[in-house]
Amino acid sequence: MRDDTIHKDEDVKEAIRRLPENLYNDRMFCIKRALDLTMRQQILPKEQWIEYEEDKFYLEPYLKEVIQERKEREWAKK
């Protein structure tokens, strides 16, 4: 889940808010698991690793929508 590491700006925060509950819960699980492993100075077992090709940009469609809406609002103000 590459989108877990994206820099949080206002657009990203809004996209996260719009995530369906199951995607939001999956995101939080991965982040909490990463923090837990970091605190214990452990590495995720190799059998639980996700291959780069299998990873999905789950946040991208929501982020594109938020950015498009923001650009439309900015354009309407001009």
Protein backbone atom coordinates (compact mmCIF):
# COMPACT_ATOMS: atom_id res chain seq x y z
CA MET A 1 0.00 0.00 0.00
CA ARG A 2 2.20 2.74 -1.34
CA ASP A 3 -0.43 5.33 -0.58
CA ASP A 4 0.22 4.84 3.15
CA THR A 5 3.42 6.84 2.84
CA ILE A 6 2.07 9.81 0.88
CA HIS A 7 2.64 13.27 2.41
CA LYS A 8 -0.52 14.47 4.14
CA ASP A 9 -1.67 17.83 2.83
CA GLU A 10 -5.25 19.11 2.80
CA ASP A 11 -6.08 17.24 -0.41
CA VAL A 12 -4.78 13.94 0.97
CA LYS A 13 -6.64 14.41 4.25
CA GLU A 14 -9.90 14.95 2.34
CA ALA A 15 -9.24 11.92 0.13
CA ILE A 16 -8.64 9.78 3.23
CA ARG A 17 -11.88 11.08 4.72
CA ARG A 18 -13.73 9.96 1.59
CA LEU A 19 -12.35 6.42 1.63
CA PRO A 20 -14.91 3.65 2.07
CA GLU A 21 -14.79 2.15 5.55
CA ASN A 22 -13.10 -1.09 4.46
CA LEU A 23 -10.25 0.75 2.70
CA TYR A 24 -9.85 3.13 5.62
CA ASN A 25 -9.69 0.20 8.05
CA ASP A 26 -7.12 -1.60 5.86
CA ARG A 27 -5.03 1.58 5.76
CA MET A 28 -5.14 2.00 9.53
CA PHE A 29 -4.29 -1.67 10.10
CA CYS A 30 -1.18 -1.40 7.92
CA ILE A 31 -0.04 1.81 9.57
CA LYS A 32 -0.59 0.43 13.09
CA ARG A 33 1.18 -2.82 12.20
CA ALA A 34 4.14 -0.84 10.82
CA LEU A 35 4.32 1.29 13.97
CA ASP A 36 4.11 -1.79 16.19
CA LEU A 37 6.90 -3.53 14.30
CA THR A 38 9.02 -0.39 14.43
CA MET A 39 8.55 -0.07 18.19
CA ARG A 40 9.60 -3.69 18.67
CA GLN A 41 12.45 -3.26 16.16
CA GLN A 42 11.17 -6.16 14.07
CA ILE A 43 10.65 -6.70 10.37
CA LEU A 44 7.43 -7.92 8.81
CA PRO A 45 7.81 -11.63 7.99
CA LYS A 46 8.69 -12.11 4.33
CA GLU A 47 5.58 -14.22 3.65
CA GLN A 48 3.45 -11.14 4.56
CA TRP A 49 5.27 -8.79 2.20
CA ILE A 50 3.29 -7.44 -0.75
CA GLU A 51 4.95 -7.64 -4.15
CA TYR A 52 5.39 -4.27 -5.85
CA GLU A 53 3.26 -5.40 -8.80
CA GLU A 54 0.43 -6.49 -6.45
CA ASP A 55 0.35 -3.20 -4.57
CA LYS A 56 -2.55 -0.90 -5.38
CA PHE A 57 -2.95 2.85 -5.38
CA TYR A 58 -6.17 2.74 -3.35
CA LEU A 59 -6.11 6.47 -2.54
CA GLU A 60 -5.35 7.74 -6.04
CA PRO A 61 -8.92 7.86 -7.45
CA TYR A 62 -10.17 9.75 -4.38
CA LEU A 63 -7.17 12.09 -4.44
CA LYS A 64 -7.67 12.87 -8.13
CA GLU A 65 -11.32 13.68 -7.43
CA VAL A 66 -10.41 16.00 -4.54
CA ILE A 67 -7.74 17.80 -6.57
CA GLN A 68 -10.11 18.23 -9.52
CA GLU A 69 -12.79 19.68 -7.24
CA ARG A 70 -10.28 22.08 -5.67
CA LYS A 71 -9.09 23.25 -9.09
CA GLU A 72 -12.69 23.80 -10.19
CA ARG A 73 -13.37 25.89 -7.06
CA GLU A 74 -10.20 27.93 -7.65
CA TRP A 75 -11.16 28.46 -11.29
CA ALA A 76 -14.71 29.52 -10.31
CA LYS A 77 -13.27 32.19 -7.97
CA LYS A 78 -11.38 33.85 -10.84
